Amino acid sequence: MTEIRIGTRGSRLALVQTGMVADALRACLPDARIETVIIKTRGDRILDKPLGEIGDKGLFVSELEAALLEKKSGFSGT
């Protein structure tokens, strides 16, 4: 069985966008198992400082990239 895990941040916008992607995948792959994996990024965890003081683009992206490399999100199946 095809399994797709969509890694996303937990913000409302990210979850709505992820839901749209999941719905489109379900329409194309009705037998696939689609799962949403919420990943808390450094930018989500540090709330007491302006984003510019915390870091650069990796602030929200590095944890999502790591999840792909660690196969916590992505595609598997036949």
PDB file of N, CA and C in Angstrom:
ATOM      1  N   MET A   1       0.843  -1.180   0.000  1.00  0.00           N
ATOM      2  CA  MET A   1       0.000   0.000   0.000  1.00  0.00           C
ATOM      3  C   MET A   1       0.886   1.240   0.000  1.00  0.00           C
ATOM      4  N   THR A   2       0.481   2.224  -0.751  1.00  0.00           N
ATOM      5  CA  THR A   2       1.197   3.492  -0.795  1.00  0.00           C
ATOM      6  C   THR A   2       0.884   4.288   0.457  1.00  0.00           C
ATOM      7  N   GLU A   3       1.915   4.817   1.078  1.00  0.00           N
ATOM      8  CA  GLU A   3       1.754   5.635   2.267  1.00  0.00           C
ATOM      9  C   GLU A   3       2.470   6.960   2.040  1.00  0.00           C
ATOM     10  N   ILE A   4       1.762   8.040   2.293  1.00  0.00           N
ATOM     11  CA  ILE A   4       2.334   9.369   2.150  1.00  0.00           C
ATOM     12  C   ILE A   4       2.145  10.106   3.464  1.00  0.00           C
ATOM     13  N   ARG A   5       3.250  10.566   4.021  1.00  0.00           N
ATOM     14  CA  ARG A   5       3.213  11.360   5.246  1.00  0.00           C
ATOM     15  C   ARG A   5       3.610  12.782   4.866  1.00  0.00           C
ATOM     16  N   ILE A   6       2.693  13.710   5.115  1.00  0.00           N
ATOM     17  CA  ILE A   6       2.928  15.106   4.760  1.00  0.00           C
ATOM     18  C   ILE A   6       3.401  15.836   6.011  1.00  0.00           C
ATOM     19  N   GLY A   7       4.654  16.265   5.990  1.00  0.00           N
ATOM     20  CA  GLY A   7       5.200  17.040   7.108  1.00  0.00           C
ATOM     21  C   GLY A   7       4.788  18.488   6.977  1.00  0.00           C
ATOM     22  N   THR A   8       4.289  19.059   8.063  1.00  0.00           N
ATOM     23  CA  THR A   8       3.821  20.438   8.031  1.00  0.00           C
ATOM     24  C   THR A   8       3.985  21.090   9.393  1.00  0.00           C
ATOM     25  N   ARG A   9       4.015  22.403   9.380  1.00  0.00           N
ATOM     26  CA  ARG A   9       3.951  23.132  10.641  1.00  0.00           C
ATOM     27  C   ARG A   9       2.513  23.081  11.146  1.00  0.00           C
ATOM     28  N   GLY A  10       2.320  23.441  12.397  1.00  0.00           N
ATOM     29  CA  GLY A  10       0.996  23.365  13.000  1.00  0.00           C
ATOM     30  C   GLY A  10       0.179  24.639  12.915  1.00  0.00           C
ATOM     31  N   SER A  11       0.670  25.642  12.194  1.00  0.00           N
ATOM     32  CA  SER A  11      -0.095  26.890  12.083  1.00  0.00           C
ATOM     33  C   SER A  11      -1.377  26.645  11.304  1.00  0.00           C
ATOM     34  N   ARG A  12      -2.357  27.506  11.514  1.00  0.00           N
ATOM     35  CA  ARG A  12      -3.635  27.345  10.809  1.00  0.00           C
ATOM     36  C   ARG A  12      -3.449  27.358   9.302  1.00  0.00           C
ATOM     37  N   LEU A  13      -2.634  28.306   8.816  1.00  0.00           N
ATOM     38  CA  LEU A  13      -2.403  28.402   7.376  1.00  0.00           C
ATOM     39  C   LEU A  13      -1.749  27.125   6.845  1.00  0.00           C
ATOM     40  N   ALA A  14      -0.712  26.652   7.529  1.00  0.00           N
ATOM     41  CA  ALA A  14      -0.021  25.441   7.077  1.00  0.00           C
ATOM     42  C   ALA A  14      -0.968  24.244   7.074  1.00  0.00           C
ATOM     43  N   LEU A  15      -1.816  24.130   8.079  1.00  0.00           N
ATOM     44  CA  LEU A  15      -2.742  22.999   8.156  1.00  0.00           C
ATOM     45  C   LEU A  15      -3.808  23.061   7.064  1.00  0.00           C
ATOM     46  N   VAL A  16      -4.281  24.258   6.746  1.00  0.00           N
ATOM     47  CA  VAL A  16      -5.254  24.399   5.657  1.00  0.00           C
ATOM     48  C   VAL A  16      -4.603  24.016   4.333  1.00  0.00           C
ATOM     49  N   GLN A  17      -3.380  24.514   4.099  1.00  0.00           N
ATOM     50  CA  GLN A  17      -2.677  24.190   2.862  1.00  0.00           C
ATOM     51  C   GLN A  17      -2.394  22.684   2.772  1.00  0.00           C
ATOM     52  N   THR A  18      -1.993  22.092   3.883  1.00  0.00           N
ATOM     53  CA  THR A  18      -1.718  20.664   3.913  1.00  0.00           C
ATOM     54  C   THR A  18      -2.989  19.861   3.648  1.00  0.00           C
ATOM     55  N   GLY A  19      -4.099  20.310   4.206  1.00  0.00           N
ATOM     56  CA  GLY A  19      -5.373  19.643   3.956  1.00  0.00           C
ATOM     57  C   GLY A  19      -5.745  19.660   2.482  1.00  0.00           C
ATOM     58  N   MET A  20      -5.464  20.773   1.814  1.00  0.00           N
ATOM     59  CA  MET A  20      -5.745  20.869   0.381  1.00  0.00           C
ATOM     60  C   MET A  20      -4.878  19.888  -0.409  1.00  0.00           C
ATOM     61  N   VAL A  21      -3.618  19.790  -0.043  1.00  0.00           N
ATOM     62  CA  VAL A  21      -2.713  18.847  -0.712  1.00  0.00           C
ATOM     63  C   VAL A  21      -3.165  17.414  -0.450  1.00  0.00           C
ATOM     64  N   ALA A  22      -3.511  17.106   0.794  1.00  0.00           N
ATOM     65  CA  ALA A  22      -3.963  15.754   1.148  1.00  0.00           C
ATOM     66  C   ALA A  22      -5.225  15.389   0.374  1.00  0.00           C
ATOM     67  N   ASP A  23      -6.164  16.330   0.267  1.00  0.00           N
ATOM     68  CA  ASP A  23      -7.395  16.068  -0.498  1.00  0.00           C
ATOM     69  C   ASP A  23      -7.091  15.797  -1.969  1.00  0.00           C
ATOM     70  N   ALA A  24      -6.181  16.562  -2.555  1.00  0.00           N
ATOM     71  CA  ALA A  24      -5.817  16.352  -3.957  1.00  0.00           C
ATOM     72  C   ALA A  24      -5.147  14.993  -4.142  1.00  0.00           C
ATOM     73  N   LEU A  25      -4.288  14.611  -3.198  1.00  0.00           N
ATOM     74  CA  LEU A  25      -3.640  13.303  -3.277  1.00  0.00           C
ATOM     75  C   LEU A  25      -4.656  12.173  -3.149  1.00  0.00           C
ATOM     76  N   ARG A  26      -5.618  12.333  -2.239  1.00  0.00           N
ATOM     77  CA  ARG A  26      -6.660  11.305  -2.073  1.00  0.00           C
ATOM     78  C   ARG A  26      -7.486  11.142  -3.342  1.00  0.00           C
ATOM     79  N   ALA A  27      -7.735  12.254  -4.026  1.00  0.00           N
ATOM     80  CA  ALA A  27      -8.506  12.191  -5.274  1.00  0.00           C
ATOM     81  C   ALA A  27      -7.733  11.430  -6.355  1.00  0.00           C
ATOM     82  N   CYS A  28      -6.414  11.596  -6.372  1.00  0.00           N
ATOM     83  CA  CYS A  28      -5.581  10.919  -7.382  1.00  0.00           C
ATOM     84  C   CYS A  28      -5.195   9.509  -6.967  1.00  0.00           C
ATOM     85  N   LEU A  29      -5.073   9.280  -5.672  1.00  0.00           N
ATOM     86  CA  LEU A  29      -4.612   7.992  -5.137  1.00  0.00           C
ATOM     87  C   LEU A  29      -5.583   7.500  -4.071  1.00  0.00           C
ATOM     88  N   PRO A  30      -6.782   7.068  -4.466  1.00  0.00           N
ATOM     89  CA  PRO A  30      -7.815   6.723  -3.488  1.00  0.00           C
ATOM     90  C   PRO A  30      -7.442   5.586  -2.533  1.00  0.00           C
ATOM     91  N   ASP A  31      -6.517   4.723  -2.917  1.00  0.00           N
ATOM     92  CA  ASP A  31      -6.130   3.608  -2.049  1.00  0.00           C
ATOM     93  C   ASP A  31      -4.942   3.931  -1.157  1.00  0.00           C
ATOM     94  N   ALA A  32      -4.371   5.113  -1.320  1.00  0.00           N
ATOM     95  CA  ALA A  32      -3.189   5.491  -0.530  1.00  0.00           C
ATOM     96  C   ALA A  32      -3.583   5.889   0.885  1.00  0.00           C
ATOM     97  N   ARG A  33      -2.683   5.655   1.796  1.00  0.00           N
ATOM     98  CA  ARG A  33      -2.860   6.117   3.177  1.00  0.00           C
ATOM     99  C   ARG A  33      -2.136   7.452   3.288  1.00  0.00           C
ATOM    100  N   ILE A  34      -2.892   8.507   3.553  1.00  0.00           N
ATOM    101  CA  ILE A  34      -2.348   9.857   3.648  1.00  0.00           C
ATOM    102  C   ILE A  34      -2.378  10.275   5.109  1.00  0.00           C
ATOM    103  N   GLU A  35      -1.235  10.689   5.628  1.00  0.00           N
ATOM    104  CA  GLU A  35      -1.134  11.088   7.032  1.00  0.00           C
ATOM    105  C   GLU A  35      -0.459  12.455   7.115  1.00  0.00           C
ATOM    106  N   THR A  36      -0.959  13.293   7.999  1.00  0.00           N
ATOM    107  CA  THR A  36      -0.344  14.585   8.267  1.00  0.00           C
ATOM    108  C   THR A  36       0.520  14.469   9.514  1.00  0.00           C
ATOM    109  N   VAL A  37       1.767  14.904   9.393  1.00  0.00           N
ATOM    110  CA  VAL A  37       2.711  14.872  10.516  1.00  0.00           C
ATOM    111  C   VAL A  37       3.048  16.316  10.868  1.00  0.00           C
ATOM    112  N   ILE A  38       2.610  16.750  12.047  1.00  0.00           N
ATOM    113  CA  ILE A  38       2.882  18.121  12.476  1.00  0.00           C
ATOM    114  C   ILE A  38       4.274  18.173  13.100  1.00  0.00           C
ATOM    115  N   ILE A  39       5.079  19.095  12.578  1.00  0.00           N
ATOM    116  CA  ILE A  39       6.445  19.250  13.038  1.00  0.00           C
ATOM    117  C   ILE A  39       6.601  20.630  13.657  1.00  0.00           C
ATOM    118  N   LYS A  40       6.998  20.666  14.901  1.00  0.00           N
ATOM    119  CA  LYS A  40       7.202  21.922  15.619  1.00  0.00           C
ATOM    120  C   LYS A  40       8.608  22.425  15.290  1.00  0.00           C
ATOM    121  N   THR A  41       8.691  23.581  14.667  1.00  0.00           N
ATOM    122  CA  THR A  41       9.980  24.126  14.263  1.00  0.00           C
ATOM    123  C   THR A  41      10.535  25.071  15.322  1.00  0.00           C
ATOM    124  N   ARG A  42      11.794  25.394  15.167  1.00  0.00           N
ATOM    125  CA  ARG A  42      12.434  26.322  16.111  1.00  0.00           C
ATOM    126  C   ARG A  42      11.682  27.656  16.137  1.00  0.00           C
ATOM    127  N   GLY A  43      11.234  28.095  14.987  1.00  0.00           N
ATOM    128  CA  GLY A  43      10.473  29.340  14.912  1.00  0.00           C
ATOM    129  C   GLY A  43       9.140  29.255  15.634  1.00  0.00           C
ATOM    130  N   ASP A  44       8.576  28.060  15.732  1.00  0.00           N
ATOM    131  CA  ASP A  44       7.315  27.863  16.454  1.00  0.00           C
ATOM    132  C   ASP A  44       7.547  27.814  17.964  1.00  0.00           C
ATOM    133  N   ARG A  45       8.701  27.307  18.370  1.00  0.00           N
ATOM    134  CA  ARG A  45       8.970  27.113  19.798  1.00  0.00           C
ATOM    135  C   ARG A  45       9.426  28.388  20.505  1.00  0.00           C
ATOM    136  N   ILE A  46      10.164  29.239  19.823  1.00  0.00           N
ATOM    137  CA  ILE A  46      10.695  30.454  20.450  1.00  0.00           C
ATOM    138  C   ILE A  46       9.741  31.599  20.145  1.00  0.00           C
ATOM    139  N   LEU A  47       8.959  31.962  21.126  1.00  0.00           N
ATOM    140  CA  LEU A  47       7.909  32.965  20.905  1.00  0.00           C
ATOM    141  C   LEU A  47       8.197  34.302  21.576  1.00  0.00           C
ATOM    142  N   ASP A  48       9.254  34.361  22.370  1.00  0.00           N
ATOM    143  CA  ASP A  48       9.509  35.572  23.140  1.00  0.00           C
ATOM    144  C   ASP A  48      10.518  36.509  22.490  1.00  0.00           C
ATOM    145  N   LYS A  49      10.939  36.233  21.238  1.00  0.00           N
ATOM    146  CA  LYS A  49      11.905  37.075  20.539  1.00  0.00           C
ATOM    147  C   LYS A  49      11.425  37.316  19.116  1.00  0.00           C
ATOM    148  N   PRO A  50      11.804  38.461  18.545  1.00  0.00           N
ATOM    149  CA  PRO A  50      11.480  38.693  17.135  1.00  0.00           C
ATOM    150  C   PRO A  50      12.199  37.667  16.259  1.00  0.00           C
ATOM    151  N   LEU A  51      11.580  37.296  15.155  1.00  0.00           N
ATOM    152  CA  LEU A  51      12.147  36.273  14.283  1.00  0.00           C
ATOM    153  C   LEU A  51      13.558  36.626  13.824  1.00  0.00           C
ATOM    154  N   GLY A  52      13.825  37.897  13.568  1.00  0.00           N
ATOM    155  CA  GLY A  52      15.146  38.323  13.114  1.00  0.00           C
ATOM    156  C   GLY A  52      16.247  38.031  14.117  1.00  0.00           C
ATOM    157  N   GLU A  53      15.906  37.971  15.386  1.00  0.00           N
ATOM    158  CA  GLU A  53      16.901  37.680  16.419  1.00  0.00           C
ATOM    159  C   GLU A  53      17.160  36.184  16.575  1.00  0.00           C
ATOM    160  N   ILE A  54      16.254  35.365  16.086  1.00  0.00           N
ATOM    161  CA  ILE A  54      16.350  33.921  16.299  1.00  0.00           C
ATOM    162  C   ILE A  54      17.190  33.247  15.218  1.00  0.00           C
ATOM    163  N   GLY A  55      17.027  33.672  13.963  1.00  0.00           N
ATOM    164  CA  GLY A  55      17.770  33.017  12.892  1.00  0.00           C
ATOM    165  C   GLY A  55      17.297  33.426  11.519  1.00  0.00           C
ATOM    166  N   ASP A  56      17.711  32.647  10.531  1.00  0.00           N
ATOM    167  CA  ASP A  56      17.405  32.955   9.141  1.00  0.00           C
ATOM    168  C   ASP A  56      16.314  32.038   8.604  1.00  0.00           C
ATOM    169  N   LYS A  57      16.360  31.716   7.312  1.00  0.00           N
ATOM    170  CA  LYS A  57      15.318  30.892   6.689  1.00  0.00           C
ATOM    171  C   LYS A  57      15.188  29.517   7.322  1.00  0.00           C
ATOM    172  N   GLY A  58      16.268  29.010   7.889  1.00  0.00           N
ATOM    173  CA  GLY A  58      16.240  27.697   8.521  1.00  0.00           C
ATOM    174  C   GLY A  58      15.359  27.652   9.743  1.00  0.00           C
ATOM    175  N   LEU A  59      14.932  28.790  10.183  1.00  0.00           N
ATOM    176  CA  LEU A  59      14.084  28.912  11.355  1.00  0.00           C
ATOM    177  C   LEU A  59      12.837  28.041  11.267  1.00  0.00           C
ATOM    178  N   PHE A  60      12.220  27.981  10.104  1.00  0.00           N
ATOM    179  CA  PHE A  60      11.010  27.194   9.917  1.00  0.00           C
ATOM    180  C   PHE A  60      11.224  25.992   9.001  1.00  0.00           C
ATOM    181  N   VAL A  61      12.339  25.934   8.323  1.00  0.00           N
ATOM    182  CA  VAL A  61      12.539  24.915   7.298  1.00  0.00           C
ATOM    183  C   VAL A  61      13.413  23.752   7.759  1.00  0.00           C
ATOM    184  N   SER A  62      14.397  24.007   8.593  1.00  0.00           N
ATOM    185  CA  SER A  62      15.385  22.969   8.901  1.00  0.00           C
ATOM    186  C   SER A  62      14.769  21.715   9.523  1.00  0.00           C
ATOM    187  N   GLU A  63      13.800  21.859  10.418  1.00  0.00           N
ATOM    188  CA  GLU A  63      13.168  20.686  11.022  1.00  0.00           C
ATOM    189  C   GLU A  63      12.341  19.897  10.003  1.00  0.00           C
ATOM    190  N   LEU A  64      11.706  20.607   9.065  1.00  0.00           N
ATOM    191  CA  LEU A  64      10.944  19.926   8.022  1.00  0.00           C
ATOM    192  C   LEU A  64      11.882  19.141   7.099  1.00  0.00           C
ATOM    193  N   GLU A  65      13.024  19.749   6.761  1.00  0.00           N
ATOM    194  CA  GLU A  65      14.006  19.048   5.930  1.00  0.00           C
ATOM    195  C   GLU A  65      14.553  17.824   6.659  1.00  0.00           C
ATOM    196  N   ALA A  66      14.827  17.970   7.952  1.00  0.00           N
ATOM    197  CA  ALA A  66      15.340  16.838   8.738  1.00  0.00           C
ATOM    198  C   ALA A  66      14.320  15.704   8.777  1.00  0.00           C
ATOM    199  N   ALA A  67      13.038  16.037   8.893  1.00  0.00           N
ATOM    200  CA  ALA A  67      11.997  15.008   8.926  1.00  0.00           C
ATOM    201  C   ALA A  67      11.976  14.225   7.610  1.00  0.00           C
ATOM    202  N   LEU A  68      12.197  14.906   6.494  1.00  0.00           N
ATOM    203  CA  LEU A  68      12.267  14.203   5.210  1.00  0.00           C
ATOM    204  C   LEU A  68      13.459  13.249   5.184  1.00  0.00           C
ATOM    205  N   LEU A  69      14.611  13.740   5.629  1.00  0.00           N
ATOM    206  CA  LEU A  69      15.813  12.913   5.624  1.00  0.00           C
ATOM    207  C   LEU A  69      15.684  11.712   6.567  1.00  0.00           C
ATOM    208  N   GLU A  70      14.981  11.906   7.679  1.00  0.00           N
ATOM    209  CA  GLU A  70      14.796  10.828   8.642  1.00  0.00           C
ATOM    210  C   GLU A  70      13.586   9.952   8.314  1.00  0.00           C
ATOM    211  N   LYS A  71      12.937  10.267   7.174  1.00  0.00           N
ATOM    212  CA  LYS A  71      11.774   9.519   6.694  1.00  0.00           C
ATOM    213  C   LYS A  71      10.586   9.587   7.648  1.00  0.00           C
ATOM    214  N   LYS A  72      10.491  10.686   8.422  1.00  0.00           N
ATOM    215  CA  LYS A  72       9.307  10.909   9.252  1.00  0.00           C
ATOM    216  C   LYS A  72       8.168  11.458   8.405  1.00  0.00           C
ATOM    217  N   SER A  73       8.538  12.079   7.297  1.00  0.00           N
ATOM    218  CA  SER A  73       7.535  12.516   6.328  1.00  0.00           C
ATOM    219  C   SER A  73       8.054  12.120   4.950  1.00  0.00           C
ATOM    220  N   GLY A  74       7.170  12.025   3.998  1.00  0.00           N
ATOM    221  CA  GLY A  74       7.572  11.639   2.653  1.00  0.00           C
ATOM    222  C   GLY A  74       6.678  10.547   2.100  1.00  0.00           C
ATOM    223  N   PHE A  75       7.242   9.752   1.215  1.00  0.00           N
ATOM    224  CA  PHE A  75       6.486   8.757   0.459  1.00  0.00           C
ATOM    225  C   PHE A  75       7.107   7.383   0.640  1.00  0.00           C
ATOM    226  N   SER A  76       6.269   6.397   0.811  1.00  0.00           N
ATOM    227  CA  SER A  76       6.739   5.008   0.771  1.00  0.00           C
ATOM    228  C   SER A  76       5.641   4.159   0.166  1.00  0.00           C
ATOM    229  N   GLY A  77       6.013   3.074  -0.427  1.00  0.00           N
ATOM    230  CA  GLY A  77       4.987   2.184  -0.980  1.00  0.00           C
ATOM    231  C   GLY A  77       5.435   1.547  -2.271  1.00  0.00           C
ATOM    232  N   THR A  78       4.465   0.936  -2.902  1.00  0.00           N
ATOM    233  CA  THR A  78       4.753   0.204  -4.142  1.00  0.00           C
ATOM    234  C   THR A  78       4.258   0.945  -5.343  1.00  0.00           C
TER     235      THR A  78
END
